[in-house]
Amino acid sequence: MTTSEAAYRPVSVEAVLDAPLSRWLWLVKWILIIPHYIVLAFLWIAFFLVSVVAFFAILFTERYPRPLFDFNTGVLRWSWRVSYYAYGALATDRYPPFSLGEEPGYPARLHIAYPERLSRGLVLVKWWLLAIPHYIVLGFFMGGYHSGWWSGGLIALFAIVAAFVVAFREKYPRDLFDLIVGLNRWVLRVVAYATLMTDEYPPFRLDMGGSDPAGRA
């Protein structure tokens, strides 16, 4: 990785693999997480509406209103925690908090740096045209995306494989964990770009591991 590639990026995704993990809890997490699914369904409707308002704000003022930015960051942060607990990683048994804020003690964390200025020109094309190559890749990774959690695709498949290993060997494969987090990191970077929260184009690069090499502010 070159120095420029390793430089700070506005989206930082961190994860810590919990141990020990329950051998069989993953079989019922789809039930346990239903309250989050319900709340996230409404939050993602709000996320879409806020993004529309932000689109026009950026177009006319070159600024993403800070309260709207903080709300949408919170929705992504909440979604990442739920996905990490459920079938986007299955890497913790700690039930995710019902919170839009940062939860430093939770093993899945997301930080998006607030941009002081955003391009008026890019806001017209980045969410549909420029992001198309990433959408193609992410469709393979994710399989589908519904109200803040992803289902199917490689990510869920690898998470289920890891859960089976935990069930029979009581240990989450570290290499598989690094890969799963790297795939999720790619997803979250693209989501932040496509929803107008940053002008920095996401790299076509799989940064694996729990620690984000991009760091944070």
Protein backbone atom coordinates (compact mmCIF):
# COMPACT_ATOMS: atom_id res chain seq x y z
CA MET A 1 0.00 0.00 0.00
CA THR A 2 1.41 3.41 -0.94
CA THR A 3 1.62 6.37 1.41
CA SER A 4 -1.24 8.11 -0.36
CA GLU A 5 -3.42 5.00 -0.13
CA ALA A 6 -2.76 4.73 3.58
CA ALA A 7 -3.61 8.40 4.18
CA TYR A 8 -6.55 9.43 6.30
CA ARG A 9 -9.96 8.87 4.76
CA PRO A 10 -13.22 10.42 6.00
CA VAL A 11 -14.96 7.10 6.69
CA SER A 12 -13.46 4.95 9.43
CA VAL A 13 -14.87 1.49 10.24
CA GLU A 14 -13.54 -0.34 13.29
CA ALA A 15 -14.42 -3.76 14.69
CA VAL A 16 -13.26 -5.95 17.56
CA LEU A 17 -13.84 -9.69 17.52
CA ASP A 18 -15.52 -10.75 20.75
CA ALA A 19 -14.51 -13.95 22.49
CA PRO A 20 -15.83 -16.26 23.56
CA LEU A 21 -18.88 -16.39 21.31
CA SER A 22 -21.94 -18.53 21.95
CA ARG A 23 -21.90 -21.67 19.86
CA TRP A 24 -25.61 -21.52 19.01
CA LEU A 25 -26.96 -18.02 19.67
CA TRP A 26 -26.52 -17.13 16.01
CA LEU A 27 -29.38 -19.49 15.16
CA VAL A 28 -31.89 -17.20 16.88
CA LYS A 29 -30.37 -13.77 16.32
CA TRP A 30 -32.78 -13.19 13.45
CA ILE A 31 -35.55 -13.23 16.07
CA LEU A 32 -33.68 -11.22 18.70
CA ILE A 33 -32.89 -8.47 16.22
CA ILE A 34 -36.50 -7.92 15.08
CA PRO A 35 -36.99 -4.81 17.28
CA HIS A 36 -33.98 -3.24 15.57
CA TYR A 37 -35.31 -4.17 12.15
CA ILE A 38 -38.56 -2.37 12.92
CA VAL A 39 -36.86 0.79 14.16
CA LEU A 40 -34.34 0.80 11.32
CA ALA A 41 -37.11 0.54 8.74
CA PHE A 42 -38.42 3.91 9.93
CA LEU A 43 -34.95 5.37 10.39
CA TRP A 44 -34.03 4.55 6.81
CA ILE A 45 -37.16 6.27 5.52
CA ALA A 46 -36.02 9.32 7.47
CA PHE A 47 -32.47 8.80 6.15
CA PHE A 48 -33.74 8.97 2.57
CA LEU A 49 -35.78 12.13 3.23
CA VAL A 50 -32.86 13.78 5.01
CA SER A 51 -30.59 12.90 2.07
CA VAL A 52 -32.99 14.62 -0.33
CA VAL A 53 -32.95 17.77 1.79
CA ALA A 54 -29.16 17.55 2.03
CA PHE A 55 -28.93 17.24 -1.77
CA PHE A 56 -30.56 20.62 -2.28
CA ALA A 57 -28.64 22.18 0.61
CA ILE A 58 -25.34 21.10 -0.94
CA LEU A 59 -26.45 22.19 -4.39
CA PHE A 60 -27.19 25.73 -3.23
CA THR A 61 -24.82 26.24 -0.30
CA GLU A 62 -22.04 23.63 -0.73
CA ARG A 63 -22.72 22.53 2.82
CA TYR A 64 -24.36 19.48 4.36
CA PRO A 65 -26.37 20.85 7.33
CA ARG A 66 -24.62 19.54 10.42
CA PRO A 67 -27.73 18.28 12.29
CA LEU A 68 -28.81 16.33 9.20
CA PHE A 69 -25.31 14.95 8.74
CA ASP A 70 -25.16 13.83 12.36
CA PHE A 71 -28.54 12.11 12.06
CA ASN A 72 -27.59 10.19 8.93
CA THR A 73 -24.24 9.24 10.42
CA GLY A 74 -26.14 7.91 13.41
CA VAL A 75 -28.38 5.78 11.20
CA LEU A 76 -25.35 4.26 9.47
CA ARG A 77 -23.64 3.74 12.81
CA TRP A 78 -26.74 1.97 14.21
CA SER A 79 -27.04 -0.16 11.07
CA TRP A 80 -23.40 -1.22 11.28
CA ARG A 81 -23.79 -2.32 14.89
CA VAL A 82 -26.91 -4.36 14.07
CA SER A 83 -25.26 -5.94 11.05
CA TYR A 84 -22.16 -6.79 13.08
CA TYR A 85 -24.28 -8.52 15.74
CA ALA A 86 -26.46 -10.28 13.18
CA TYR A 87 -25.72 -11.80 9.81
CA GLY A 88 -23.37 -9.16 8.48
CA ALA A 89 -20.60 -10.56 10.69
CA LEU A 90 -21.91 -12.58 13.71
CA ALA A 91 -18.78 -11.38 15.48
CA THR A 92 -20.29 -10.33 18.81
CA ASP A 93 -23.00 -11.55 21.15
CA ARG A 94 -23.39 -8.15 22.79
CA TYR A 95 -26.85 -6.89 21.91
CA PRO A 96 -26.59 -3.62 19.96
CA PRO A 97 -27.81 -0.48 21.73
CA PHE A 98 -30.80 1.48 20.44
CA SER A 99 -28.69 4.55 19.78
CA LEU A 100 -27.74 6.96 17.01
CA GLY A 101 -24.71 8.14 18.95
CA GLU A 102 -21.22 6.79 19.21
CA GLU A 103 -20.91 3.82 21.55
CA PRO A 104 -17.17 3.53 22.29
CA GLY A 105 -17.64 0.34 24.31
CA TYR A 106 -19.39 -1.54 21.51
CA PRO A 107 -17.15 -3.70 19.31
CA ALA A 108 -18.43 -2.24 16.00
CA ARG A 109 -17.75 1.46 15.46
CA LEU A 110 -18.18 3.92 12.59
CA HIS A 111 -16.93 7.47 12.24
CA ILE A 112 -17.60 9.80 9.29
CA ALA A 113 -15.75 13.12 9.33
CA TYR A 114 -17.97 16.13 8.76
CA PRO A 115 -17.05 17.93 5.50
CA GLU A 116 -16.91 21.73 5.69
CA ARG A 117 -17.56 22.01 1.94
CA LEU A 118 -18.95 19.64 -0.69
CA SER A 119 -18.89 20.00 -4.47
CA ARG A 120 -22.06 21.25 -6.16
CA GLY A 121 -21.10 19.48 -9.36
CA LEU A 122 -20.39 16.11 -7.78
CA VAL A 123 -23.67 16.09 -5.88
CA LEU A 124 -25.46 15.82 -9.23
CA VAL A 125 -23.66 12.71 -10.42
CA LYS A 126 -21.83 10.81 -7.69
CA TRP A 127 -24.84 9.04 -6.17
CA TRP A 128 -25.94 7.44 -9.45
CA LEU A 129 -23.31 7.73 -12.18
CA LEU A 130 -19.92 7.74 -10.47
CA ALA A 131 -20.90 5.07 -7.95
CA ILE A 132 -22.13 2.55 -10.55
CA PRO A 133 -18.90 0.47 -10.58
CA HIS A 134 -19.12 0.13 -6.81
CA TYR A 135 -22.82 -0.77 -6.97
CA ILE A 136 -21.97 -3.70 -9.23
CA VAL A 137 -19.31 -4.98 -6.84
CA LEU A 138 -21.47 -4.42 -3.77
CA GLY A 139 -24.41 -6.25 -5.28
CA PHE A 140 -22.18 -9.32 -5.26
CA PHE A 141 -20.96 -8.68 -1.72
CA MET A 142 -24.33 -7.98 -0.20
CA GLY A 143 -27.02 -9.79 -2.16
CA GLY A 144 -29.60 -7.26 -0.96
CA TYR A 145 -30.04 -4.27 1.31
CA HIS A 146 -33.17 -3.69 3.34
CA SER A 147 -33.82 -0.87 5.83
CA GLY A 148 -30.34 -0.78 7.26
CA TRP A 149 -29.16 -4.37 7.15
CA TRP A 150 -27.86 -6.52 4.34
CA SER A 151 -28.88 -10.06 3.51
CA GLY A 152 -27.48 -12.72 1.24
CA GLY A 153 -24.36 -12.34 -0.84
CA LEU A 154 -20.80 -13.11 0.14
CA ILE A 155 -20.90 -11.26 3.46
CA ALA A 156 -23.77 -13.29 4.90
CA LEU A 157 -22.34 -16.51 3.45
CA PHE A 158 -18.96 -15.96 5.09
CA ALA A 159 -20.62 -14.98 8.38
CA ILE A 160 -22.63 -18.22 8.41
CA VAL A 161 -19.49 -20.22 7.64
CA ALA A 162 -17.75 -18.52 10.56
CA ALA A 163 -20.71 -19.31 12.82
CA PHE A 164 -20.52 -23.00 11.92
CA VAL A 165 -16.82 -23.01 12.76
CA VAL A 166 -17.59 -21.38 16.12
CA ALA A 167 -20.30 -23.99 16.76
CA PHE A 168 -17.96 -26.91 16.25
CA ARG A 169 -14.53 -25.50 17.13
CA GLU A 170 -15.51 -22.67 19.51
CA LYS A 171 -13.28 -20.23 17.65
CA TYR A 172 -14.06 -17.61 15.02
CA PRO A 173 -11.49 -17.93 12.19
CA ARG A 174 -9.36 -14.80 12.31
CA ASP A 175 -8.68 -14.66 8.57
CA LEU A 176 -12.38 -14.94 7.86
CA PHE A 177 -13.13 -12.19 10.38
CA ASP A 178 -10.62 -9.89 8.68
CA LEU A 179 -12.22 -10.56 5.30
CA ILE A 180 -15.79 -10.01 6.54
CA VAL A 181 -14.90 -6.71 8.18
CA GLY A 182 -13.06 -5.64 5.03
CA LEU A 183 -16.14 -6.32 2.91
CA ASN A 184 -18.36 -4.41 5.32
CA ARG A 185 -15.87 -1.53 5.36
CA TRP A 186 -16.07 -1.32 1.57
CA VAL A 187 -19.89 -1.26 1.78
CA LEU A 188 -19.98 1.52 4.36
CA ARG A 189 -17.48 3.67 2.47
CA VAL A 190 -19.60 3.45 -0.66
CA VAL A 191 -22.83 4.14 1.21
CA ALA A 192 -21.34 7.27 2.75
CA TYR A 193 -20.17 8.47 -0.69
CA ALA A 194 -23.39 7.65 -2.50
CA THR A 195 -25.51 9.37 0.14
CA LEU A 196 -23.55 12.59 -0.31
CA MET A 197 -21.67 12.55 3.00
CA THR A 198 -18.23 12.82 1.44
CA ASP A 199 -16.73 13.79 -1.90
CA GLU A 200 -13.80 11.38 -1.58
CA TYR A 201 -14.28 8.52 -4.02
CA PRO A 202 -14.15 5.13 -2.24
CA PRO A 203 -11.08 3.09 -3.14
CA PHE A 204 -11.46 -0.19 -4.99
CA ARG A 205 -9.52 -1.89 -2.26
CA LEU A 206 -10.28 -4.49 0.37
CA ASP A 207 -8.85 -3.12 3.61
CA MET A 208 -9.18 -6.17 5.81
CA GLY A 209 -8.98 -6.44 9.58
CA GLY A 210 -10.68 -4.86 12.54
CA SER A 211 -8.49 -1.73 12.57
CA ASP A 212 -9.18 0.68 9.74
CA PRO A 213 -5.86 1.58 8.06
CA ALA A 214 -7.39 4.94 7.14
CA GLY A 215 -7.62 5.97 10.76
CA ARG A 216 -9.88 8.80 11.88
CA ALA A 217 -9.72 12.47 12.74
